[in-house]
Amino acid sequence: MTNGEENMSEYKVLRLMTKEIIICKIDSSAALSKNWWVVLDPFEIKSFMNPQTGDYNSTLIDWLQFSSEDETKISLNDVLTCSVPEEEVLEHYIAIIKRKKGLAGYQENDANSLDELKQDKEPEVTFEDYMEILNTNKVYH
C-alpha cells in the first residue's frame, strides 16, 4: 500500500442505521476500539433529484454544523457499512474541509484587519463629487 493509499484508507464513507451516509476521516488511534470510532470532520452526503432535469445530484452537509468541535464519537453498533470513498468525492470533501478550516482561522486571527480593509475600499465622497453630479445632465434616481 502506498502512502497515498494509506491516507485514503483513513477516509471512509459510513452508512448508518439511521440511513444517513457520512463521509469522514476515522481517527486511526481510536479505530482499534471495539465499541466506537472517533470521526473527524463528518459530512452527510445528501442526494436529491433536480426537478427540472430529472438528474440526481449530491451535496455535502456539515454533520456537526452547530458544534464548535470537528470530531465526535460514533458507536460501531450504529454503522451498517464502511467503505472507501470514490476519488472524486474525496477530493471534493477535502476541498470543503480546507475551505472551512481556512475560513475559521481567518475569522479568529484577522477580524480587525477585515474591518480595516472594508474602510480602505470605500472611497469618501467629497463636496466636489456632489457638485460634479449636480452639474451633469444625467438623471439620478
Protein backbone atom coordinates (compact mmCIF):
# COMPACT_ATOMS: atom_id res chain seq x y z
CA MET A 1 0.00 0.00 0.00
CA THR A 2 1.46 3.37 -1.00
CA ASN A 3 1.41 6.47 1.17
CA GLY A 4 -1.48 7.91 -0.86
CA GLU A 5 -3.48 4.74 -0.38
CA GLU A 6 -2.78 4.83 3.37
CA ASN A 7 -4.13 8.38 3.55
CA MET A 8 -7.16 7.39 1.51
CA SER A 9 -7.83 4.44 3.81
CA GLU A 10 -8.27 6.89 6.70
CA TYR A 11 -11.21 8.49 4.89
CA LYS A 12 -14.39 6.43 4.94
CA VAL A 13 -17.97 6.53 3.79
CA LEU A 14 -20.20 5.23 6.55
CA ARG A 15 -23.81 4.16 6.12
CA LEU A 16 -25.54 4.41 9.46
CA MET A 17 -28.55 2.63 10.91
CA THR A 18 -30.44 5.93 10.51
CA LYS A 19 -29.84 5.63 6.72
CA GLU A 20 -27.53 8.63 6.79
CA ILE A 21 -24.42 8.42 4.62
CA ILE A 22 -21.42 10.10 6.22
CA ILE A 23 -18.02 10.86 4.72
CA CYS A 24 -15.36 11.44 7.35
CA LYS A 25 -11.85 10.75 8.48
CA ILE A 26 -11.50 7.98 11.05
CA ASP A 27 -9.06 8.73 13.87
CA SER A 28 -6.56 5.92 13.44
CA SER A 29 -5.67 5.86 17.15
CA ALA A 30 -9.30 5.22 18.09
CA ALA A 31 -10.02 2.87 15.17
CA LEU A 32 -8.83 -0.06 17.25
CA SER A 33 -11.67 0.37 19.73
CA LYS A 34 -14.26 -2.39 19.81
CA ASN A 35 -17.24 -0.18 20.62
CA TRP A 36 -16.79 3.19 18.93
CA TRP A 37 -14.81 5.26 16.43
CA VAL A 38 -13.79 8.89 16.59
CA VAL A 39 -14.79 10.55 13.33
CA LEU A 40 -13.19 13.82 12.25
CA ASP A 41 -14.99 16.42 10.11
CA PRO A 42 -18.05 14.29 9.31
CA PHE A 43 -20.25 15.47 6.44
CA GLU A 44 -23.54 13.90 5.43
CA ILE A 45 -23.97 13.09 1.75
CA LYS A 46 -27.45 14.14 0.69
CA SER A 47 -28.77 13.14 -2.72
CA PHE A 48 -31.72 14.76 -4.42
CA MET A 49 -33.39 14.84 -7.81
CA ASN A 50 -33.29 18.06 -9.81
CA PRO A 51 -36.97 18.56 -10.78
CA GLN A 52 -36.07 20.50 -13.94
CA THR A 53 -33.67 17.95 -15.45
CA GLY A 54 -34.51 14.73 -13.60
CA ASP A 55 -30.82 14.27 -12.76
CA TYR A 56 -29.69 13.11 -9.33
CA ASN A 57 -27.28 15.43 -7.57
CA SER A 58 -25.48 15.17 -4.26
CA THR A 59 -24.29 17.70 -1.75
CA LEU A 60 -22.26 17.56 1.44
CA ILE A 61 -23.74 18.96 4.65
CA ASP A 62 -21.66 19.53 7.76
CA TRP A 63 -22.85 16.91 10.23
CA LEU A 64 -21.58 18.95 13.19
CA GLN A 65 -22.73 22.30 11.84
CA PHE A 66 -23.95 23.56 15.22
CA SER A 67 -20.95 22.31 17.18
CA SER A 68 -17.71 24.09 17.98
CA GLU A 69 -15.85 20.77 17.65
CA ASP A 70 -14.81 19.00 14.48
CA GLU A 71 -14.89 15.45 15.85
CA THR A 72 -17.37 13.12 17.52
CA LYS A 73 -17.65 9.51 18.63
CA ILE A 74 -19.83 7.08 16.76
CA SER A 75 -20.96 3.72 18.11
CA LEU A 76 -19.99 0.79 15.94
CA ASN A 77 -23.48 -0.62 16.59
CA ASP A 78 -24.83 2.30 14.53
CA VAL A 79 -22.63 1.62 11.48
CA LEU A 80 -24.09 -0.62 8.76
CA THR A 81 -21.29 -0.35 6.20
CA CYS A 82 -17.86 1.21 5.96
CA SER A 83 -16.23 1.77 2.58
CA VAL A 84 -13.52 3.79 0.84
CA PRO A 85 -14.86 6.91 -0.92
CA GLU A 86 -14.50 7.47 -4.65
CA GLU A 87 -11.54 9.67 -5.53
CA GLU A 88 -13.69 12.50 -6.98
CA VAL A 89 -15.91 12.62 -3.88
CA LEU A 90 -12.88 12.51 -1.59
CA GLU A 91 -11.21 15.41 -3.40
CA HIS A 92 -14.40 17.48 -3.14
CA TYR A 93 -14.73 16.65 0.57
CA ILE A 94 -11.10 17.56 1.31
CA ALA A 95 -11.50 20.87 -0.55
CA ILE A 96 -14.56 21.70 1.60
CA ILE A 97 -12.67 20.84 4.79
CA LYS A 98 -9.70 23.00 3.79
CA ARG A 99 -12.00 25.91 2.93
CA LYS A 100 -13.90 25.52 6.22
CA LYS A 101 -10.76 25.42 8.34
CA GLY A 102 -9.13 28.25 6.41
CA LEU A 103 -12.17 30.46 6.86
CA ALA A 104 -12.42 29.68 10.59
CA GLY A 105 -8.75 30.56 11.10
CA TYR A 106 -9.18 33.78 9.16
CA GLN A 107 -12.14 34.85 11.27
CA GLU A 108 -10.31 34.22 14.52
CA ASN A 109 -7.00 35.81 13.59
CA ASP A 110 -7.85 38.63 11.23
CA ALA A 111 -11.20 40.10 12.26
CA ASN A 112 -9.69 43.53 12.86
CA SER A 113 -7.82 43.63 9.55
CA LEU A 114 -11.07 42.77 7.74
CA ASP A 115 -12.67 45.92 9.17
CA GLU A 116 -9.65 47.93 8.05
CA LEU A 117 -9.92 46.51 4.52
CA LYS A 118 -13.58 47.47 4.32
CA GLN A 119 -12.78 51.02 5.38
CA ASP A 120 -9.95 51.32 2.85
CA LYS A 121 -12.08 50.16 -0.07
CA GLU A 122 -14.95 52.62 0.43
CA PRO A 123 -13.94 55.95 -1.07
CA GLU A 124 -15.02 59.02 0.82
CA VAL A 125 -17.42 61.21 -1.12
CA THR A 126 -16.34 64.84 -1.21
CA PHE A 127 -18.19 68.07 -1.81
CA GLU A 128 -16.60 68.27 -5.27
CA ASP A 129 -18.10 64.89 -6.14
CA TYR A 130 -21.59 66.17 -5.30
CA MET A 131 -21.04 69.31 -7.35
CA GLU A 132 -19.92 67.26 -10.33
CA ILE A 133 -23.08 65.16 -10.09
CA LEU A 134 -25.27 68.29 -9.95
CA ASN A 135 -23.56 69.87 -12.98
CA THR A 136 -24.18 66.93 -15.31
CA ASN A 137 -27.28 66.42 -17.42
CA LYS A 138 -27.78 62.87 -16.15
CA VAL A 139 -30.87 61.89 -14.19
CA TYR A 140 -30.25 60.05 -10.92
CA HIS A 141 -32.99 58.17 -9.13
